Amino acid sequence: QVRLVESGGGLVHPGGSLRLSCAASGTIFSINVMGWYRQAPGKERELVATITNLGTTNYADSVKGRFTISRDNAKNTVYLQMNSLKPQDTAVYYCRLVHAYAYWGQGTQVTVSS
């Protein structure tokens, strides 16, 4: 079984930065994809960014140039550096791990407000 625990969410002013972390524990297959999704009230959950074990990344158009996803394979941890945050980025951010199966974290709240 795999457990994902997110951290780093909080309240930030527009233009500010946050760094999210997601630590995976349990049996993690070497070949996997980790990523971040977000869900705002009244909206569908959407992809933010993903990264493979080889380091291949992809981003939603809305966050390109502002967010950076990275990972530490030895620690089974994925990060999301969020810069130039906008109110539209306000959402619960969920960590996801996919290998043979898909797993979700419980989410961490990010609020961008003045």
PDB file of N, CA and C in Angstrom:
ATOM      1  N   GLN A   1       0.845  -1.185   0.000  1.00  0.00           N
ATOM      2  CA  GLN A   1       0.000   0.000   0.000  1.00  0.00           C
ATOM      3  C   GLN A   1       0.886   1.243   0.000  1.00  0.00           C
ATOM      4  N   VAL A   2       0.402   2.301  -0.620  1.00  0.00           N
ATOM      5  CA  VAL A   2       1.142   3.541  -0.739  1.00  0.00           C
ATOM      6  C   VAL A   2       0.381   4.654  -0.036  1.00  0.00           C
ATOM      7  N   ARG A   3       1.126   5.464   0.684  1.00  0.00           N
ATOM      8  CA  ARG A   3       0.557   6.627   1.327  1.00  0.00           C
ATOM      9  C   ARG A   3       1.269   7.871   0.824  1.00  0.00           C
ATOM     10  N   LEU A   4       0.503   8.900   0.519  1.00  0.00           N
ATOM     11  CA  LEU A   4       1.036  10.173   0.060  1.00  0.00           C
ATOM     12  C   LEU A   4       0.625  11.256   1.034  1.00  0.00           C
ATOM     13  N   VAL A   5       1.588  12.045   1.468  1.00  0.00           N
ATOM     14  CA  VAL A   5       1.317  13.109   2.420  1.00  0.00           C
ATOM     15  C   VAL A   5       1.832  14.426   1.864  1.00  0.00           C
ATOM     16  N   GLU A   6       0.916  15.357   1.627  1.00  0.00           N
ATOM     17  CA  GLU A   6       1.270  16.676   1.121  1.00  0.00           C
ATOM     18  C   GLU A   6       1.534  17.638   2.266  1.00  0.00           C
ATOM     19  N   SER A   7       2.357  18.628   1.991  1.00  0.00           N
ATOM     20  CA  SER A   7       2.614  19.682   2.955  1.00  0.00           C
ATOM     21  C   SER A   7       3.037  20.942   2.207  1.00  0.00           C
ATOM     22  N   GLY A   8       2.992  22.060   2.891  1.00  0.00           N
ATOM     23  CA  GLY A   8       3.474  23.307   2.323  1.00  0.00           C
ATOM     24  C   GLY A   8       2.405  24.289   1.895  1.00  0.00           C
ATOM     25  N   GLY A   9       1.157  23.897   1.965  1.00  0.00           N
ATOM     26  CA  GLY A   9       0.091  24.806   1.597  1.00  0.00           C
ATOM     27  C   GLY A   9      -0.071  25.915   2.615  1.00  0.00           C
ATOM     28  N   GLY A  10      -0.817  26.928   2.232  1.00  0.00           N
ATOM     29  CA  GLY A  10      -1.044  28.036   3.133  1.00  0.00           C
ATOM     30  C   GLY A  10      -1.640  29.220   2.425  1.00  0.00           C
ATOM     31  N   LEU A  11      -1.583  30.349   3.093  1.00  0.00           N
ATOM     32  CA  LEU A  11      -2.109  31.604   2.575  1.00  0.00           C
ATOM     33  C   LEU A  11      -0.963  32.481   2.097  1.00  0.00           C
ATOM     34  N   VAL A  12      -1.102  33.009   0.897  1.00  0.00           N
ATOM     35  CA  VAL A  12      -0.068  33.853   0.330  1.00  0.00           C
ATOM     36  C   VAL A  12      -0.716  34.985  -0.461  1.00  0.00           C
ATOM     37  N   HIS A  13      -0.048  36.124  -0.528  1.00  0.00           N
ATOM     38  CA  HIS A  13      -0.549  37.248  -1.315  1.00  0.00           C
ATOM     39  C   HIS A  13      -0.260  37.036  -2.793  1.00  0.00           C
ATOM     40  N   PRO A  14      -1.064  37.648  -3.660  1.00  0.00           N
ATOM     41  CA  PRO A  14      -0.774  37.561  -5.095  1.00  0.00           C
ATOM     42  C   PRO A  14       0.661  37.975  -5.384  1.00  0.00           C
ATOM     43  N   GLY A  15       1.301  37.217  -6.255  1.00  0.00           N
ATOM     44  CA  GLY A  15       2.689  37.466  -6.582  1.00  0.00           C
ATOM     45  C   GLY A  15       3.668  36.724  -5.702  1.00  0.00           C
ATOM     46  N   GLY A  16       3.177  36.121  -4.645  1.00  0.00           N
ATOM     47  CA  GLY A  16       4.031  35.392  -3.726  1.00  0.00           C
ATOM     48  C   GLY A  16       4.345  33.990  -4.201  1.00  0.00           C
ATOM     49  N   SER A  17       5.040  33.245  -3.345  1.00  0.00           N
ATOM     50  CA  SER A  17       5.488  31.904  -3.687  1.00  0.00           C
ATOM     51  C   SER A  17       5.193  30.921  -2.572  1.00  0.00           C
ATOM     52  N   LEU A  18       5.012  29.681  -2.957  1.00  0.00           N
ATOM     53  CA  LEU A  18       4.883  28.572  -2.033  1.00  0.00           C
ATOM     54  C   LEU A  18       5.591  27.367  -2.629  1.00  0.00           C
ATOM     55  N   ARG A  19       6.041  26.494  -1.766  1.00  0.00           N
ATOM     56  CA  ARG A  19       6.663  25.251  -2.202  1.00  0.00           C
ATOM     57  C   ARG A  19       5.923  24.091  -1.540  1.00  0.00           C
ATOM     58  N   LEU A  20       5.295  23.266  -2.355  1.00  0.00           N
ATOM     59  CA  LEU A  20       4.579  22.101  -1.868  1.00  0.00           C
ATOM     60  C   LEU A  20       5.475  20.874  -1.924  1.00  0.00           C
ATOM     61  N   SER A  21       5.291  19.993  -0.966  1.00  0.00           N
ATOM     62  CA  SER A  21       6.021  18.739  -0.934  1.00  0.00           C
ATOM     63  C   SER A  21       5.038  17.591  -0.799  1.00  0.00           C
ATOM     64  N   CYS A  22       5.391  16.463  -1.361  1.00  0.00           N
ATOM     65  CA  CYS A  22       4.596  15.256  -1.233  1.00  0.00           C
ATOM     66  C   CYS A  22       5.539  14.083  -1.025  1.00  0.00           C
ATOM     67  N   ALA A  23       5.439  13.471   0.127  1.00  0.00           N
ATOM     68  CA  ALA A  23       6.277  12.331   0.463  1.00  0.00           C
ATOM     69  C   ALA A  23       5.479  11.043   0.326  1.00  0.00           C
ATOM     70  N   ALA A  24       6.000  10.121  -0.453  1.00  0.00           N
ATOM     71  CA  ALA A  24       5.359   8.829  -0.655  1.00  0.00           C
ATOM     72  C   ALA A  24       6.040   7.771   0.201  1.00  0.00           C
ATOM     73  N   SER A  25       5.238   6.929   0.801  1.00  0.00           N
ATOM     74  CA  SER A  25       5.767   5.835   1.596  1.00  0.00           C
ATOM     75  C   SER A  25       5.080   4.536   1.197  1.00  0.00           C
ATOM     76  N   GLY A  26       5.736   3.435   1.475  1.00  0.00           N
ATOM     77  CA  GLY A  26       5.224   2.137   1.086  1.00  0.00           C
ATOM     78  C   GLY A  26       6.059   1.558  -0.034  1.00  0.00           C
ATOM     79  N   THR A  27       5.466   0.653  -0.780  1.00  0.00           N
ATOM     80  CA  THR A  27       6.161   0.019  -1.892  1.00  0.00           C
ATOM     81  C   THR A  27       5.964   0.851  -3.151  1.00  0.00           C
ATOM     82  N   ILE A  28       7.053   1.483  -3.584  1.00  0.00           N
ATOM     83  CA  ILE A  28       7.012   2.369  -4.748  1.00  0.00           C
ATOM     84  C   ILE A  28       7.788   1.721  -5.883  1.00  0.00           C
ATOM     85  N   PHE A  29       7.127   1.471  -6.991  1.00  0.00           N
ATOM     86  CA  PHE A  29       7.807   0.910  -8.159  1.00  0.00           C
ATOM     87  C   PHE A  29       8.739   1.945  -8.759  1.00  0.00           C
ATOM     88  N   SER A  30       9.840   1.483  -9.318  1.00  0.00           N
ATOM     89  CA  SER A  30      10.843   2.380  -9.875  1.00  0.00           C
ATOM     90  C   SER A  30      10.297   3.209 -11.034  1.00  0.00           C
ATOM     91  N   ILE A  31       9.489   2.594 -11.857  1.00  0.00           N
ATOM     92  CA  ILE A  31       8.896   3.283 -12.993  1.00  0.00           C
ATOM     93  C   ILE A  31       7.544   3.840 -12.557  1.00  0.00           C
ATOM     94  N   ASN A  32       7.479   5.144 -12.461  1.00  0.00           N
ATOM     95  CA  ASN A  32       6.245   5.750 -11.986  1.00  0.00           C
ATOM     96  C   ASN A  32       6.150   7.196 -12.435  1.00  0.00           C
ATOM     97  N   VAL A  33       4.968   7.733 -12.255  1.00  0.00           N
ATOM     98  CA  VAL A  33       4.719   9.142 -12.530  1.00  0.00           C
ATOM     99  C   VAL A  33       4.137   9.767 -11.270  1.00  0.00           C
ATOM    100  N   MET A  34       4.671  10.887 -10.870  1.00  0.00           N
ATOM    101  CA  MET A  34       4.121  11.631  -9.761  1.00  0.00           C
ATOM    102  C   MET A  34       3.685  12.995 -10.267  1.00  0.00           C
ATOM    103  N   GLY A  35       2.676  13.524  -9.638  1.00  0.00           N
ATOM    104  CA  GLY A  35       2.202  14.802 -10.115  1.00  0.00           C
ATOM    105  C   GLY A  35       1.319  15.516  -9.123  1.00  0.00           C
ATOM    106  N   TRP A  36       0.915  16.697  -9.547  1.00  0.00           N
ATOM    107  CA  TRP A  36       0.041  17.546  -8.757  1.00  0.00           C
ATOM    108  C   TRP A  36      -1.210  17.879  -9.545  1.00  0.00           C
ATOM    109  N   TYR A  37      -2.329  17.788  -8.878  1.00  0.00           N
ATOM    110  CA  TYR A  37      -3.612  18.194  -9.411  1.00  0.00           C
ATOM    111  C   TYR A  37      -4.226  19.179  -8.434  1.00  0.00           C
ATOM    112  N   ARG A  38      -5.185  19.939  -8.898  1.00  0.00           N
ATOM    113  CA  ARG A  38      -5.846  20.877  -8.000  1.00  0.00           C
ATOM    114  C   ARG A  38      -7.332  20.929  -8.296  1.00  0.00           C
ATOM    115  N   GLN A  39      -8.076  21.297  -7.282  1.00  0.00           N
ATOM    116  CA  GLN A  39      -9.516  21.410  -7.423  1.00  0.00           C
ATOM    117  C   GLN A  39     -10.011  22.613  -6.636  1.00  0.00           C
ATOM    118  N   ALA A  40     -10.612  23.532  -7.339  1.00  0.00           N
ATOM    119  CA  ALA A  40     -11.222  24.701  -6.728  1.00  0.00           C
ATOM    120  C   ALA A  40     -12.709  24.431  -6.521  1.00  0.00           C
ATOM    121  N   PRO A  41     -13.336  25.132  -5.587  1.00  0.00           N
ATOM    122  CA  PRO A  41     -14.762  24.927  -5.346  1.00  0.00           C
ATOM    123  C   PRO A  41     -15.586  25.103  -6.616  1.00  0.00           C
ATOM    124  N   GLY A  42     -16.452  24.150  -6.883  1.00  0.00           N
ATOM    125  CA  GLY A  42     -17.312  24.223  -8.047  1.00  0.00           C
ATOM    126  C   GLY A  42     -16.652  23.859  -9.360  1.00  0.00           C
ATOM    127  N   LYS A  43     -15.408  23.445  -9.324  1.00  0.00           N
ATOM    128  CA  LYS A  43     -14.694  23.099 -10.543  1.00  0.00           C
ATOM    129  C   LYS A  43     -14.214  21.652 -10.513  1.00  0.00           C
ATOM    130  N   GLU A  44     -13.914  21.142 -11.692  1.00  0.00           N
ATOM    131  CA  GLU A  44     -13.370  19.801 -11.803  1.00  0.00           C
ATOM    132  C   GLU A  44     -11.912  19.786 -11.372  1.00  0.00           C
ATOM    133  N   ARG A  45     -11.477  18.640 -10.888  1.00  0.00           N
ATOM    134  CA  ARG A  45     -10.063  18.490 -10.577  1.00  0.00           C
ATOM    135  C   ARG A  45      -9.267  18.537 -11.879  1.00  0.00           C
ATOM    136  N   GLU A  46      -8.188  19.290 -11.874  1.00  0.00           N
ATOM    137  CA  GLU A  46      -7.408  19.470 -13.081  1.00  0.00           C
ATOM    138  C   GLU A  46      -5.933  19.187 -12.840  1.00  0.00           C
ATOM    139  N   LEU A  47      -5.282  18.762 -13.885  1.00  0.00           N
ATOM    140  CA  LEU A  47      -3.845  18.512 -13.836  1.00  0.00           C
ATOM    141  C   LEU A  47      -3.091  19.823 -13.723  1.00  0.00           C
ATOM    142  N   VAL A  48      -2.095  19.835 -12.854  1.00  0.00           N
ATOM    143  CA  VAL A  48      -1.201  20.982 -12.729  1.00  0.00           C
ATOM    144  C   VAL A  48       0.143  20.659 -13.376  1.00  0.00           C
ATOM    145  N   ALA A  49       0.754  19.567 -12.941  1.00  0.00           N
ATOM    146  CA  ALA A  49       2.051  19.178 -13.474  1.00  0.00           C
ATOM    147  C   ALA A  49       2.331  17.729 -13.126  1.00  0.00           C
ATOM    148  N   THR A  50       3.097  17.054 -13.974  1.00  0.00           N
ATOM    149  CA  THR A  50       3.524  15.686 -13.703  1.00  0.00           C
ATOM    150  C   THR A  50       5.001  15.542 -14.017  1.00  0.00           C
ATOM    151  N   ILE A  51       5.602  14.531 -13.419  1.00  0.00           N
ATOM    152  CA  ILE A  51       7.002  14.243 -13.672  1.00  0.00           C
ATOM    153  C   ILE A  51       7.218  12.738 -13.560  1.00  0.00           C
ATOM    154  N   THR A  52       7.924  12.173 -14.525  1.00  0.00           N
ATOM    155  CA  THR A  52       8.214  10.751 -14.509  1.00  0.00           C
ATOM    156  C   THR A  52       9.477  10.476 -13.715  1.00  0.00           C
ATOM    157  N   ASN A  53       9.758   9.188 -13.505  1.00  0.00           N
ATOM    158  CA  ASN A  53      10.981   8.812 -12.805  1.00  0.00           C
ATOM    159  C   ASN A  53      12.222   9.221 -13.592  1.00  0.00           C
ATOM    160  N   LEU A  54      12.070   9.427 -14.890  1.00  0.00           N
ATOM    161  CA  LEU A  54      13.180   9.869 -15.723  1.00  0.00           C
ATOM    162  C   LEU A  54      13.321  11.384 -15.777  1.00  0.00           C
ATOM    163  N   GLY A  55      12.369  12.088 -15.193  1.00  0.00           N
ATOM    164  CA  GLY A  55      12.452  13.530 -15.155  1.00  0.00           C
ATOM    165  C   GLY A  55      11.670  14.253 -16.229  1.00  0.00           C
ATOM    166  N   THR A  56      10.906  13.543 -17.028  1.00  0.00           N
ATOM    167  CA  THR A  56      10.086  14.179 -18.041  1.00  0.00           C
ATOM    168  C   THR A  56       8.904  14.881 -17.391  1.00  0.00           C
ATOM    169  N   THR A  57       8.709  16.136 -17.731  1.00  0.00           N
ATOM    170  CA  THR A  57       7.664  16.936 -17.101  1.00  0.00           C
ATOM    171  C   THR A  57       6.620  17.402 -18.100  1.00  0.00           C
ATOM    172  N   ASN A  58       5.449  17.689 -17.597  1.00  0.00           N
ATOM    173  CA  ASN A  58       4.451  18.391 -18.374  1.00  0.00           C
ATOM    174  C   ASN A  58       3.648  19.273 -17.428  1.00  0.00           C
ATOM    175  N   TYR A  59       3.152  20.384 -17.977  1.00  0.00           N
ATOM    176  CA  TYR A  59       2.461  21.381 -17.183  1.00  0.00           C
ATOM    177  C   TYR A  59       1.177  21.817 -17.853  1.00  0.00           C
ATOM    178  N   ALA A  60       0.229  22.197 -17.032  1.00  0.00           N
ATOM    179  CA  ALA A  60      -0.949  22.856 -17.555  1.00  0.00           C
ATOM    180  C   ALA A  60      -0.538  24.214 -18.109  1.00  0.00           C
ATOM    181  N   ASP A  61      -1.198  24.639 -19.175  1.00  0.00           N
ATOM    182  CA  ASP A  61      -0.859  25.921 -19.782  1.00  0.00           C
ATOM    183  C   ASP A  61      -0.967  27.077 -18.782  1.00  0.00           C
ATOM    184  N   SER A  62      -1.894  26.971 -17.863  1.00  0.00           N
ATOM    185  CA  SER A  62      -2.140  28.050 -16.923  1.00  0.00           C
ATOM    186  C   SER A  62      -1.001  28.276 -15.933  1.00  0.00           C
ATOM    187  N   VAL A  63      -0.111  27.297 -15.788  1.00  0.00           N
ATOM    188  CA  VAL A  63       0.966  27.428 -14.812  1.00  0.00           C
ATOM    189  C   VAL A  63       2.351  27.429 -15.441  1.00  0.00           C
ATOM    190  N   LYS A  64       2.436  27.247 -16.738  1.00  0.00           N
ATOM    191  CA  LYS A  64       3.731  27.228 -17.406  1.00  0.00           C
ATOM    192  C   LYS A  64       4.478  28.535 -17.182  1.00  0.00           C
ATOM    193  N   GLY A  65       5.741  28.412 -16.843  1.00  0.00           N
ATOM    194  CA  GLY A  65       6.560  29.576 -16.589  1.00  0.00           C
ATOM    195  C   GLY A  65       6.488  30.082 -15.172  1.00  0.00           C
ATOM    196  N   ARG A  66       5.525  29.598 -14.401  1.00  0.00           N
ATOM    197  CA  ARG A  66       5.372  30.028 -13.013  1.00  0.00           C
ATOM    198  C   ARG A  66       5.640  28.904 -12.017  1.00  0.00           C
ATOM    199  N   PHE A  67       5.241  27.693 -12.368  1.00  0.00           N
ATOM    200  CA  PHE A  67       5.402  26.540 -11.479  1.00  0.00           C
ATOM    201  C   PHE A  67       6.497  25.624 -12.002  1.00  0.00           C
ATOM    202  N   THR A  68       7.183  24.973 -11.081  1.00  0.00           N
ATOM    203  CA  THR A  68       8.203  23.998 -11.439  1.00  0.00           C
ATOM    204  C   THR A  68       8.024  22.743 -10.595  1.00  0.00           C
ATOM    205  N   ILE A  69       7.909  21.613 -11.258  1.00  0.00           N
ATOM    206  CA  ILE A  69       7.803  20.342 -10.557  1.00  0.00           C
ATOM    207  C   ILE A  69       9.167  19.656 -10.565  1.00  0.00           C
ATOM    208  N   SER A  70       9.503  19.025  -9.464  1.00  0.00           N
ATOM    209  CA  SER A  70      10.759  18.304  -9.356  1.00  0.00           C
ATOM    210  C   SER A  70      10.556  17.110  -8.432  1.00  0.00           C
ATOM    211  N   ARG A  71      11.530  16.224  -8.405  1.00  0.00           N
ATOM    212  CA  ARG A  71      11.405  15.060  -7.537  1.00  0.00           C
ATOM    213  C   ARG A  71      12.756  14.570  -7.069  1.00  0.00           C
ATOM    214  N   ASP A  72      12.725  13.879  -5.965  1.00  0.00           N
ATOM    215  CA  ASP A  72      13.886  13.215  -5.408  1.00  0.00           C
ATOM    216  C   ASP A  72      13.537  11.739  -5.368  1.00  0.00           C
ATOM    217  N   ASN A  73      14.052  10.983  -6.319  1.00  0.00           N
ATOM    218  CA  ASN A  73      13.691   9.575  -6.426  1.00  0.00           C
ATOM    219  C   ASN A  73      14.126   8.761  -5.203  1.00  0.00           C
ATOM    220  N   ALA A  74      15.262   9.111  -4.633  1.00  0.00           N
ATOM    221  CA  ALA A  74      15.750   8.387  -3.470  1.00  0.00           C
ATOM    222  C   ALA A  74      14.818   8.543  -2.283  1.00  0.00           C
ATOM    223  N   LYS A  75      14.169   9.699  -2.194  1.00  0.00           N
ATOM    224  CA  LYS A  75      13.261   9.970  -1.088  1.00  0.00           C
ATOM    225  C   LYS A  75      11.795   9.767  -1.452  1.00  0.00           C
ATOM    226  N   ASN A  76      11.540   9.419  -2.702  1.00  0.00           N
ATOM    227  CA  ASN A  76      10.167   9.274  -3.183  1.00  0.00           C
ATOM    228  C   ASN A  76       9.329  10.498  -2.830  1.00  0.00           C
ATOM    229  N   THR A  77       9.893  11.639  -3.118  1.00  0.00           N
ATOM    230  CA  THR A  77       9.249  12.901  -2.806  1.00  0.00           C
ATOM    231  C   THR A  77       9.173  13.772  -4.048  1.00  0.00           C
ATOM    232  N   VAL A  78       8.035  14.402  -4.236  1.00  0.00           N
ATOM    233  CA  VAL A  78       7.847  15.314  -5.347  1.00  0.00           C
ATOM    234  C   VAL A  78       7.545  16.697  -4.791  1.00  0.00           C
ATOM    235  N   TYR A  79       8.006  17.721  -5.502  1.00  0.00           N
ATOM    236  CA  TYR A  79       7.848  19.093  -5.067  1.00  0.00           C
ATOM    237  C   TYR A  79       7.156  19.910  -6.150  1.00  0.00           C
ATOM    238  N   LEU A  80       6.522  20.959  -5.719  1.00  0.00           N
ATOM    239  CA  LEU A  80       5.952  21.915  -6.652  1.00  0.00           C
ATOM    240  C   LEU A  80       6.300  23.313  -6.165  1.00  0.00           C
ATOM    241  N   GLN A  81       7.207  23.961  -6.881  1.00  0.00           N
ATOM    242  CA  GLN A  81       7.560  25.337  -6.585  1.00  0.00           C
ATOM    243  C   GLN A  81       6.609  26.241  -7.342  1.00  0.00           C
ATOM    244  N   MET A  82       5.870  27.051  -6.620  1.00  0.00           N
ATOM    245  CA  MET A  82       4.861  27.914  -7.215  1.00  0.00           C
ATOM    246  C   MET A  82       5.267  29.366  -7.014  1.00  0.00           C
ATOM    247  N   ASN A  83       5.515  30.048  -8.101  1.00  0.00           N
ATOM    248  CA  ASN A  83       5.891  31.449  -8.075  1.00  0.00           C
ATOM    249  C   ASN A  83       4.830  32.292  -8.770  1.00  0.00           C
ATOM    250  N   SER A  84       4.880  33.576  -8.524  1.00  0.00           N
ATOM    251  CA  SER A  84       3.943  34.514  -9.150  1.00  0.00           C
ATOM    252  C   SER A  84       2.505  34.034  -9.011  1.00  0.00           C
ATOM    253  N   LEU A  85       2.155  33.661  -7.810  1.00  0.00           N
ATOM    254  CA  LEU A  85       0.834  33.094  -7.573  1.00  0.00           C
ATOM    255  C   LEU A  85      -0.277  34.107  -7.819  1.00  0.00           C
ATOM    256  N   LYS A  86      -1.361  33.597  -8.348  1.00  0.00           N
ATOM    257  CA  LYS A  86      -2.533  34.395  -8.667  1.00  0.00           C
ATOM    258  C   LYS A  86      -3.727  33.899  -7.864  1.00  0.00           C
ATOM    259  N   PRO A  87      -4.721  34.746  -7.651  1.00  0.00           N
ATOM    260  CA  PRO A  87      -5.927  34.286  -6.961  1.00  0.00           C
ATOM    261  C   PRO A  87      -6.553  33.067  -7.625  1.00  0.00           C
ATOM    262  N   GLN A  88      -6.428  32.960  -8.933  1.00  0.00           N
ATOM    263  CA  GLN A  88      -6.977  31.827  -9.661  1.00  0.00           C
ATOM    264  C   GLN A  88      -6.293  30.509  -9.315  1.00  0.00           C
ATOM    265  N   ASP A  89      -5.148  30.571  -8.652  1.00  0.00           N
ATOM    266  CA  ASP A  89      -4.447  29.364  -8.235  1.00  0.00           C
ATOM    267  C   ASP A  89      -5.009  28.784  -6.943  1.00  0.00           C
ATOM    268  N   THR A  90      -5.907  29.495  -6.308  1.00  0.00           N
ATOM    269  CA  THR A  90      -6.505  29.022  -5.065  1.00  0.00           C
ATOM    270  C   THR A  90      -7.246  27.715  -5.297  1.00  0.00           C
ATOM    271  N   ALA A  91      -6.884  26.699  -4.542  1.00  0.00           N
ATOM    272  CA  ALA A  91      -7.471  25.375  -4.702  1.00  0.00           C
ATOM    273  C   ALA A  91      -6.877  24.445  -3.661  1.00  0.00           C
ATOM    274  N   VAL A  92      -7.455  23.268  -3.577  1.00  0.00           N
ATOM    275  CA  VAL A  92      -6.817  22.191  -2.841  1.00  0.00           C
ATOM    276  C   VAL A  92      -5.911  21.466  -3.822  1.00  0.00           C
ATOM    277  N   TYR A  93      -4.656  21.323  -3.460  1.00  0.00           N
ATOM    278  CA  TYR A  93      -3.674  20.678  -4.317  1.00  0.00           C
ATOM    279  C   TYR A  93      -3.449  19.248  -3.842  1.00  0.00           C
ATOM    280  N   TYR A  94      -3.595  18.321  -4.776  1.00  0.00           N
ATOM    281  CA  TYR A  94      -3.490  16.908  -4.473  1.00  0.00           C
ATOM    282  C   TYR A  94      -2.272  16.301  -5.153  1.00  0.00           C
ATOM    283  N   CYS A  95      -1.572  15.480  -4.414  1.00  0.00           N
ATOM    284  CA  CYS A  95      -0.462  14.718  -4.953  1.00  0.00           C
ATOM    285  C   CYS A  95      -0.978  13.406  -5.522  1.00  0.00           C
ATOM    286  N   ARG A  96      -0.372  12.953  -6.610  1.00  0.00           N
ATOM    287  CA  ARG A  96      -0.770  11.699  -7.227  1.00  0.00           C
ATOM    288  C   ARG A  96       0.453  10.881  -7.603  1.00  0.00           C
ATOM    289  N   LEU A  97       0.349   9.584  -7.393  1.00  0.00           N
ATOM    290  CA  LEU A  97       1.393   8.641  -7.789  1.00  0.00           C
ATOM    291  C   LEU A  97       0.764   7.534  -8.619  1.00  0.00           C
ATOM    292  N   VAL A  98       1.346   7.262  -9.763  1.00  0.00           N
ATOM    293  CA  VAL A  98       0.867   6.186 -10.620  1.00  0.00           C
ATOM    294  C   VAL A  98       2.010   5.234 -10.930  1.00  0.00           C
ATOM    295  N   HIS A  99       1.825   3.976 -10.592  1.00  0.00           N
ATOM    296  CA  HIS A  99       2.700   2.924 -11.111  1.00  0.00           C
ATOM    297  C   HIS A  99       1.774   1.805 -11.601  1.00  0.00           C
ATOM    298  N   ALA A 100       1.667   0.695 -10.903  1.00  0.00           N
ATOM    299  CA  ALA A 100       0.692  -0.312 -11.292  1.00  0.00           C
ATOM    300  C   ALA A 100      -0.736   0.171 -10.997  1.00  0.00           C
ATOM    301  N   TYR A 101      -0.866   1.010  -9.981  1.00  0.00           N
ATOM    302  CA  TYR A 101      -2.133   1.588  -9.583  1.00  0.00           C
ATOM    303  C   TYR A 101      -1.940   3.080  -9.366  1.00  0.00           C
ATOM    304  N   ALA A 102      -3.050   3.772  -9.170  1.00  0.00           N
ATOM    305  CA  ALA A 102      -3.003   5.204  -8.907  1.00  0.00           C
ATOM    306  C   ALA A 102      -3.362   5.482  -7.455  1.00  0.00           C
ATOM    307  N   TYR A 103      -2.633   6.397  -6.841  1.00  0.00           N
ATOM    308  CA  TYR A 103      -2.855   6.777  -5.457  1.00  0.00           C
ATOM    309  C   TYR A 103      -2.961   8.288  -5.350  1.00  0.00           C
ATOM    310  N   TRP A 104      -3.769   8.719  -4.411  1.00  0.00           N
ATOM    311  CA  TRP A 104      -3.962  10.148  -4.163  1.00  0.00           C
ATOM    312  C   TRP A 104      -3.627  10.493  -2.727  1.00  0.00           C
ATOM    313  N   GLY A 105      -3.064  11.668  -2.536  1.00  0.00           N
ATOM    314  CA  GLY A 105      -2.921  12.225  -1.212  1.00  0.00           C
ATOM    315  C   GLY A 105      -4.214  12.887  -0.783  1.00  0.00           C
ATOM    316  N   GLN A 106      -4.245  13.374   0.447  1.00  0.00           N
ATOM    317  CA  GLN A 106      -5.457  13.998   0.971  1.00  0.00           C
ATOM    318  C   GLN A 106      -5.606  15.455   0.572  1.00  0.00           C
ATOM    319  N   GLY A 107      -4.552  16.051   0.095  1.00  0.00           N
ATOM    320  CA  GLY A 107      -4.615  17.413  -0.379  1.00  0.00           C
ATOM    321  C   GLY A 107      -4.118  18.425   0.625  1.00  0.00           C
ATOM    322  N   THR A 108      -3.665  19.553   0.104  1.00  0.00           N
ATOM    323  CA  THR A 108      -3.247  20.669   0.930  1.00  0.00           C
ATOM    324  C   THR A 108      -3.823  21.948   0.335  1.00  0.00           C
ATOM    325  N   GLN A 109      -4.357  22.795   1.185  1.00  0.00           N
ATOM    326  CA  GLN A 109      -5.042  24.000   0.731  1.00  0.00           C
ATOM    327  C   GLN A 109      -4.043  25.094   0.395  1.00  0.00           C
ATOM    328  N   VAL A 110      -4.213  25.673  -0.775  1.00  0.00           N
ATOM    329  CA  VAL A 110      -3.452  26.849  -1.186  1.00  0.00           C
ATOM    330  C   VAL A 110      -4.443  27.974  -1.421  1.00  0.00           C
ATOM    331  N   THR A 111      -4.254  29.073  -0.722  1.00  0.00           N
ATOM    332  CA  THR A 111      -5.123  30.226  -0.870  1.00  0.00           C
ATOM    333  C   THR A 111      -4.287  31.437  -1.237  1.00  0.00           C
ATOM    334  N   VAL A 112      -4.634  32.062  -2.341  1.00  0.00           N
ATOM    335  CA  VAL A 112      -3.937  33.254  -2.815  1.00  0.00           C
ATOM    336  C   VAL A 112      -4.918  34.410  -2.738  1.00  0.00           C
ATOM    337  N   SER A 113      -4.665  35.321  -1.835  1.00  0.00           N
ATOM    338  CA  SER A 113      -5.595  36.413  -1.603  1.00  0.00           C
ATOM    339  C   SER A 113      -4.883  37.610  -1.003  1.00  0.00           C
ATOM    340  N   SER A 114      -5.367  38.786  -1.343  1.00  0.00           N
ATOM    341  CA  SER A 114      -4.868  40.017  -0.759  1.00  0.00           C
ATOM    342  C   SER A 114      -5.735  40.474   0.396  1.00  0.00           C
TER     343      SER A 114
END
